[in-house]
Amino acid sequence: MVKILLHIRILPKFDVDIKGKGSNIPTLNISAFNLGVAIGASVGGRVVDTSSLGLNATPWIGAIIVLVGAGLTVLSYRQNKTHTTI
């Protein structure tokens, strides 16, 4: 359900925000989103298969992945802000 909401509500907004900045940008945006879904599914599957971690560890591993992603987003925003001249 959450993935559907992300696809419907967030991704079209990104496409509108970056129109005119390059013809491949919306395609790369969707590809990055799908790559994130695939990596999350792969990591989740490996966590469940690991006998020492199991199914109970998936929320914690997911939270770590989200925190890493949020940190990279903040880092990218700060780097972009310092390089942008108005």
N, C-alpha and C. Protein backbone atom coordinates (compact mmCIF):
# COMPACT_ATOMS: atom_id res chain seq x y z
N MET A 1 0.82 -1.19 0.00
CA MET A 1 0.00 0.00 0.00
C MET A 1 0.87 1.26 0.00
N VAL A 2 1.92 1.25 0.82
CA VAL A 2 2.79 2.43 0.91
C VAL A 2 3.50 2.65 -0.42
N LYS A 3 3.95 1.57 -1.05
CA LYS A 3 4.63 1.70 -2.34
C LYS A 3 3.71 2.31 -3.38
N ILE A 4 2.45 1.91 -3.37
CA ILE A 4 1.49 2.46 -4.32
C ILE A 4 1.30 3.95 -4.06
N LEU A 5 1.17 4.32 -2.79
CA LEU A 5 1.02 5.74 -2.46
C LEU A 5 2.25 6.55 -2.88
N LEU A 6 3.43 5.99 -2.69
CA LEU A 6 4.64 6.69 -3.12
C LEU A 6 4.64 6.89 -4.63
N HIS A 7 4.28 5.84 -5.35
CA HIS A 7 4.25 5.94 -6.81
C HIS A 7 3.24 6.99 -7.28
N ILE A 8 2.08 7.01 -6.66
CA ILE A 8 1.01 7.90 -7.11
C ILE A 8 1.24 9.34 -6.69
N ARG A 9 1.70 9.56 -5.45
CA ARG A 9 1.76 10.92 -4.90
C ARG A 9 3.11 11.61 -5.05
N ILE A 10 4.21 10.88 -4.93
CA ILE A 10 5.52 11.52 -4.87
C ILE A 10 6.22 11.56 -6.21
N LEU A 11 6.25 10.45 -6.91
CA LEU A 11 7.04 10.40 -8.14
C LEU A 11 6.56 11.36 -9.23
N PRO A 12 5.26 11.54 -9.45
CA PRO A 12 4.87 12.55 -10.45
C PRO A 12 5.33 13.96 -10.09
N LYS A 13 5.37 14.30 -8.80
CA LYS A 13 5.84 15.62 -8.38
C LYS A 13 7.31 15.80 -8.75
N PHE A 14 8.14 14.76 -8.57
CA PHE A 14 9.53 14.86 -8.95
C PHE A 14 9.67 15.09 -10.44
N ASP A 15 8.84 14.43 -11.24
CA ASP A 15 8.91 14.61 -12.68
C ASP A 15 8.55 16.04 -13.08
N VAL A 16 7.59 16.64 -12.42
CA VAL A 16 7.20 18.02 -12.71
C VAL A 16 8.32 18.98 -12.31
N ASP A 17 8.94 18.74 -11.17
CA ASP A 17 9.98 19.63 -10.67
C ASP A 17 11.22 19.65 -11.55
N ILE A 18 11.51 18.57 -12.26
CA ILE A 18 12.76 18.49 -13.01
C ILE A 18 12.56 18.55 -14.52
N LYS A 19 11.36 18.85 -14.97
CA LYS A 19 11.13 18.98 -16.41
C LYS A 19 11.99 20.11 -16.98
N GLY A 20 12.52 19.91 -18.15
CA GLY A 20 13.32 20.92 -18.80
C GLY A 20 14.79 20.88 -18.41
N LYS A 21 15.18 20.01 -17.51
CA LYS A 21 16.57 19.94 -17.09
C LYS A 21 17.32 18.80 -17.76
N GLY A 22 16.69 18.10 -18.64
CA GLY A 22 17.33 16.99 -19.34
C GLY A 22 16.30 15.93 -19.65
N SER A 23 16.41 15.34 -20.80
CA SER A 23 15.37 14.41 -21.23
C SER A 23 15.42 13.09 -20.48
N ASN A 24 16.55 12.69 -19.92
CA ASN A 24 16.66 11.41 -19.24
C ASN A 24 16.44 11.49 -17.75
N ILE A 25 16.25 12.66 -17.20
CA ILE A 25 16.13 12.82 -15.76
C ILE A 25 14.91 12.08 -15.19
N PRO A 26 13.71 12.22 -15.75
CA PRO A 26 12.57 11.46 -15.18
C PRO A 26 12.79 9.95 -15.25
N THR A 27 13.41 9.48 -16.31
CA THR A 27 13.68 8.05 -16.44
C THR A 27 14.65 7.58 -15.37
N LEU A 28 15.68 8.35 -15.12
CA LEU A 28 16.64 8.00 -14.08
C LEU A 28 16.01 8.04 -12.70
N ASN A 29 15.07 8.95 -12.50
CA ASN A 29 14.38 9.05 -11.22
C ASN A 29 13.58 7.78 -10.93
N ILE A 30 12.81 7.32 -11.90
CA ILE A 30 12.02 6.10 -11.73
C ILE A 30 12.95 4.89 -11.57
N SER A 31 14.04 4.87 -12.33
CA SER A 31 14.99 3.76 -12.23
C SER A 31 15.63 3.70 -10.84
N ALA A 32 15.97 4.84 -10.29
CA ALA A 32 16.56 4.88 -8.94
C ALA A 32 15.54 4.40 -7.90
N PHE A 33 14.29 4.80 -8.06
CA PHE A 33 13.24 4.35 -7.15
C PHE A 33 13.09 2.83 -7.20
N ASN A 34 13.04 2.27 -8.40
CA ASN A 34 12.90 0.83 -8.57
C ASN A 34 14.14 0.09 -8.05
N LEU A 35 15.31 0.67 -8.22
CA LEU A 35 16.53 0.07 -7.70
C LEU A 35 16.49 0.01 -6.17
N GLY A 36 16.00 1.06 -5.55
CA GLY A 36 15.85 1.07 -4.10
C GLY A 36 14.89 0.00 -3.61
N VAL A 37 13.79 -0.20 -4.33
CA VAL A 37 12.84 -1.26 -3.97
C VAL A 37 13.50 -2.62 -4.09
N ALA A 38 14.26 -2.83 -5.17
CA ALA A 38 14.93 -4.12 -5.38
C ALA A 38 15.99 -4.38 -4.31
N ILE A 39 16.76 -3.36 -3.96
CA ILE A 39 17.79 -3.53 -2.93
C ILE A 39 17.14 -3.82 -1.57
N GLY A 40 16.07 -3.12 -1.26
CA GLY A 40 15.36 -3.36 0.00
C GLY A 40 14.80 -4.78 0.08
N ALA A 41 14.23 -5.25 -1.02
CA ALA A 41 13.70 -6.62 -1.04
C ALA A 41 14.82 -7.65 -0.91
N SER A 42 15.93 -7.39 -1.56
CA SER A 42 17.06 -8.32 -1.49
C SER A 42 17.65 -8.38 -0.08
N VAL A 43 17.86 -7.21 0.52
CA VAL A 43 18.40 -7.18 1.87
C VAL A 43 17.42 -7.82 2.85
N GLY A 44 16.14 -7.53 2.70
CA GLY A 44 15.13 -8.13 3.57
C GLY A 44 15.10 -9.64 3.45
N GLY A 45 15.23 -10.15 2.23
CA GLY A 45 15.27 -11.60 2.04
C GLY A 45 16.48 -12.23 2.68
N ARG A 46 17.61 -11.57 2.56
CA ARG A 46 18.84 -12.10 3.18
C ARG A 46 18.74 -12.07 4.71
N VAL A 47 18.12 -11.05 5.25
CA VAL A 47 17.96 -10.97 6.70
C VAL A 47 17.06 -12.10 7.19
N VAL A 48 15.97 -12.36 6.48
CA VAL A 48 15.06 -13.43 6.88
C VAL A 48 15.74 -14.79 6.77
N ASP A 49 16.57 -14.99 5.74
CA ASP A 49 17.27 -16.27 5.56
C ASP A 49 18.36 -16.50 6.58
N THR A 50 18.90 -15.44 7.15
CA THR A 50 19.97 -15.58 8.12
C THR A 50 19.38 -16.14 9.41
N SER A 51 19.91 -17.26 9.86
CA SER A 51 19.33 -17.93 11.02
C SER A 51 19.50 -17.12 12.31
N SER A 52 20.56 -16.36 12.41
CA SER A 52 20.77 -15.59 13.64
C SER A 52 19.90 -14.35 13.72
N LEU A 53 19.48 -13.81 12.58
CA LEU A 53 18.65 -12.60 12.58
C LEU A 53 17.17 -12.94 12.50
N GLY A 54 16.76 -13.55 11.43
CA GLY A 54 15.38 -13.98 11.28
C GLY A 54 14.42 -12.85 10.96
N LEU A 55 13.16 -13.18 11.00
CA LEU A 55 12.09 -12.26 10.61
C LEU A 55 11.96 -11.08 11.57
N ASN A 56 12.27 -11.30 12.83
CA ASN A 56 12.14 -10.22 13.83
C ASN A 56 13.14 -9.09 13.62
N ALA A 57 14.19 -9.32 12.85
CA ALA A 57 15.21 -8.28 12.64
C ALA A 57 14.89 -7.38 11.45
N THR A 58 13.91 -7.74 10.62
CA THR A 58 13.65 -6.94 9.41
C THR A 58 13.26 -5.49 9.70
N PRO A 59 12.46 -5.19 10.73
CA PRO A 59 12.17 -3.76 11.00
C PRO A 59 13.43 -2.97 11.37
N TRP A 60 14.33 -3.58 12.12
CA TRP A 60 15.55 -2.88 12.53
C TRP A 60 16.47 -2.65 11.35
N ILE A 61 16.61 -3.64 10.50
CA ILE A 61 17.45 -3.48 9.31
C ILE A 61 16.82 -2.45 8.37
N GLY A 62 15.50 -2.49 8.24
CA GLY A 62 14.81 -1.49 7.42
C GLY A 62 15.01 -0.08 7.96
N ALA A 63 14.96 0.06 9.28
CA ALA A 63 15.18 1.38 9.89
C ALA A 63 16.59 1.87 9.63
N ILE A 64 17.56 0.97 9.68
CA ILE A 64 18.94 1.36 9.38
C ILE A 64 19.07 1.83 7.95
N ILE A 65 18.43 1.13 7.02
CA ILE A 65 18.48 1.53 5.61
C ILE A 65 17.83 2.90 5.42
N VAL A 66 16.71 3.13 6.10
CA VAL A 66 16.04 4.44 6.00
C VAL A 66 16.93 5.54 6.56
N LEU A 67 17.58 5.31 7.68
CA LEU A 67 18.47 6.32 8.27
C LEU A 67 19.66 6.62 7.36
N VAL A 68 20.22 5.58 6.74
CA VAL A 68 21.32 5.80 5.80
C VAL A 68 20.83 6.64 4.60
N GLY A 69 19.65 6.30 4.10
CA GLY A 69 19.09 7.07 2.98
C GLY A 69 18.81 8.52 3.35
N ALA A 70 18.27 8.73 4.55
CA ALA A 70 18.01 10.10 5.01
C ALA A 70 19.31 10.88 5.17
N GLY A 71 20.33 10.21 5.69
CA GLY A 71 21.63 10.87 5.83
C GLY A 71 22.22 11.25 4.48
N LEU A 72 22.11 10.36 3.51
CA LEU A 72 22.60 10.68 2.17
C LEU A 72 21.81 11.81 1.53
N THR A 73 20.51 11.85 1.82
CA THR A 73 19.68 12.94 1.29
C THR A 73 20.11 14.28 1.87
N VAL A 74 20.33 14.34 3.17
CA VAL A 74 20.78 15.58 3.82
C VAL A 74 22.15 15.99 3.30
N LEU A 75 23.05 15.02 3.15
CA LEU A 75 24.38 15.30 2.63
C LEU A 75 24.31 15.86 1.21
N SER A 76 23.48 15.25 0.38
CA SER A 76 23.31 15.72 -1.00
C SER A 76 22.71 17.12 -1.04
N TYR A 77 21.72 17.37 -0.16
CA TYR A 77 21.09 18.69 -0.12
C TYR A 77 22.10 19.77 0.28
N ARG A 78 22.89 19.46 1.30
CA ARG A 78 23.89 20.44 1.74
C ARG A 78 24.95 20.69 0.67
N GLN A 79 25.37 19.64 -0.01
CA GLN A 79 26.37 19.79 -1.06
C GLN A 79 25.79 20.59 -2.23
N ASN A 80 24.55 20.33 -2.58
CA ASN A 80 23.90 21.06 -3.68
C ASN A 80 23.68 22.52 -3.30
N LYS A 81 23.36 22.76 -2.04
CA LYS A 81 23.11 24.13 -1.58
C LYS A 81 24.38 24.97 -1.63
N THR A 82 25.53 24.38 -1.34
CA THR A 82 26.78 25.13 -1.36
C THR A 82 27.25 25.40 -2.77
N HIS A 83 26.87 24.56 -3.73
CA HIS A 83 27.29 24.74 -5.11
C HIS A 83 26.31 25.55 -5.95
N THR A 84 25.15 25.84 -5.43
CA THR A 84 24.15 26.60 -6.17
C THR A 84 24.39 28.08 -5.98
N THR A 85 24.48 28.80 -7.09
CA THR A 85 24.63 30.25 -7.02
C THR A 85 23.39 30.90 -7.60
N ILE A 86 22.88 31.88 -6.88
CA ILE A 86 21.66 32.56 -7.33
C ILE A 86 21.99 33.99 -7.68
